Amino acid sequence: MEFESLDGYLLDGAPPKAAVVRDLLERRPDVPGAAAFYEGMQRLGARTPDLSLIALRLVLAGRKADDAAVVRLRDVIARARAGDAEAREEYAALGRA
C-alpha cells in the first residue's frame, strides 16, 4: 500500500499536514486498527499529533503500533530528516516486511 503524502510529510515535511490528513480521510483504507486514528483525524484535522500519524503509518503497514514501535519509528524519521540515508532505507523497509 502506498501512502506518498503521509510518507512525504513524515520524512520531508511536505505536503502540509492539513493536506495529508485530508488525503488520508478521503482514502481511508480498511485496515484493522486504523478506525480510531481516522476518527481522531476527523476531529482534530491539521492539529492531529505527529505521533498519531506515525502510529497510523505503522498500522497501515500491518505493524503493531505499541509505544516502543512508535518511539523507534519517530527516531528513524528524525534521523532521516537529518539526512541519514540508512534511516530512509529503514523507513522504506516498513512497507516491505
Protein backbone atom coordinates (compact mmCIF):
# COMPACT_ATOMS: atom_id res chain seq x y z
CA MET A 1 0.00 0.00 0.00
CA GLU A 2 1.34 3.43 -0.96
CA PHE A 3 0.96 6.47 1.26
CA GLU A 4 3.06 9.04 -0.58
CA SER A 5 1.60 12.10 1.12
CA LEU A 6 1.97 10.63 4.62
CA ASP A 7 5.48 9.39 3.92
CA GLY A 8 6.42 12.74 2.37
CA TYR A 9 5.11 14.62 5.38
CA LEU A 10 6.84 12.37 7.89
CA LEU A 11 10.18 12.30 6.07
CA ASP A 12 10.36 15.74 4.46
CA GLY A 13 7.63 17.90 5.99
CA ALA A 14 5.80 18.19 2.66
CA PRO A 15 2.98 18.25 1.77
CA PRO A 16 1.49 20.23 4.67
CA LYS A 17 -0.14 18.23 7.45
CA ALA A 18 -3.61 19.54 6.55
CA ALA A 19 -3.27 18.09 3.04
CA VAL A 20 -2.05 14.76 4.41
CA VAL A 21 -4.95 14.49 6.84
CA ARG A 22 -7.41 15.38 4.08
CA ASP A 23 -5.86 12.73 1.78
CA LEU A 24 -5.97 10.05 4.47
CA LEU A 25 -9.58 10.84 5.34
CA GLU A 26 -10.61 10.70 1.68
CA ARG A 27 -8.94 7.32 1.04
CA ARG A 28 -9.42 5.60 4.43
CA PRO A 29 -8.01 2.16 3.64
CA ASP A 30 -9.91 -0.53 5.51
CA VAL A 31 -7.04 -1.70 7.68
CA PRO A 32 -7.64 -3.36 11.05
CA GLY A 33 -6.83 -0.98 13.89
CA ALA A 34 -6.98 2.20 11.80
CA ALA A 35 -10.55 3.36 12.54
CA ALA A 36 -9.71 5.19 15.77
CA PHE A 37 -6.94 7.12 14.01
CA TYR A 38 -9.36 8.26 11.31
CA GLU A 39 -11.87 9.34 13.94
CA GLY A 40 -9.18 11.36 15.69
CA MET A 41 -8.06 12.96 12.42
CA GLN A 42 -11.69 13.78 11.59
CA ARG A 43 -11.98 15.65 14.89
CA LEU A 44 -8.55 17.28 15.00
CA GLY A 45 -7.73 17.92 11.35
CA ALA A 46 -4.32 19.56 10.98
CA ARG A 47 -3.94 19.52 14.78
CA THR A 48 -3.54 15.73 14.63
CA PRO A 49 -0.32 14.96 16.55
CA ASP A 50 2.62 13.70 14.54
CA LEU A 51 2.90 10.72 16.89
CA SER A 52 -0.63 9.71 15.85
CA LEU A 53 0.40 9.89 12.21
CA ILE A 54 3.47 7.80 12.97
CA ALA A 55 1.35 5.22 14.77
CA LEU A 56 -1.14 5.18 11.90
CA ARG A 57 1.71 4.63 9.43
CA LEU A 58 2.72 1.54 11.40
CA VAL A 59 -0.87 0.24 11.39
CA LEU A 60 -1.20 0.88 7.65
CA ALA A 61 1.95 -1.18 7.12
CA GLY A 62 0.40 -4.04 9.08
CA ARG A 63 2.60 -3.44 12.09
CA LYS A 64 1.78 -3.14 15.76
CA ALA A 65 1.70 0.48 16.92
CA ASP A 66 2.76 -0.04 20.51
CA ASP A 67 4.78 2.57 22.41
CA ALA A 68 8.16 1.04 21.58
CA ALA A 69 7.41 0.77 17.86
CA VAL A 70 6.13 4.36 17.65
CA VAL A 71 9.16 5.74 19.50
CA ARG A 72 11.50 3.69 17.33
CA LEU A 73 9.87 4.92 14.11
CA ARG A 74 9.87 8.50 15.42
CA ASP A 75 13.63 8.20 15.90
CA VAL A 76 14.09 6.72 12.41
CA ILE A 77 12.12 9.63 10.97
CA ALA A 78 14.21 12.18 12.89
CA ARG A 79 17.40 10.59 11.56
CA ALA A 80 16.01 10.53 8.02
CA ARG A 81 15.03 14.20 8.22
CA ALA A 82 18.59 14.95 9.33
CA GLY A 83 19.92 13.38 6.12
CA ASP A 84 20.69 9.83 7.27
CA ALA A 85 20.29 7.67 4.13
CA GLU A 86 20.33 4.48 6.19
CA ALA A 87 17.36 5.75 8.19
CA ARG A 88 15.47 6.44 4.96
CA GLU A 89 16.10 2.87 3.88
CA GLU A 90 14.95 1.62 7.28
CA TYR A 91 11.76 3.64 6.87
CA ALA A 92 11.25 2.32 3.33
CA ALA A 93 11.56 -1.22 4.66
CA LEU A 94 8.46 -0.57 6.76
CA GLY A 95 6.21 -1.47 3.85
CA ARG A 96 8.22 -4.45 2.65
CA ALA A 97 8.09 -6.79 5.63
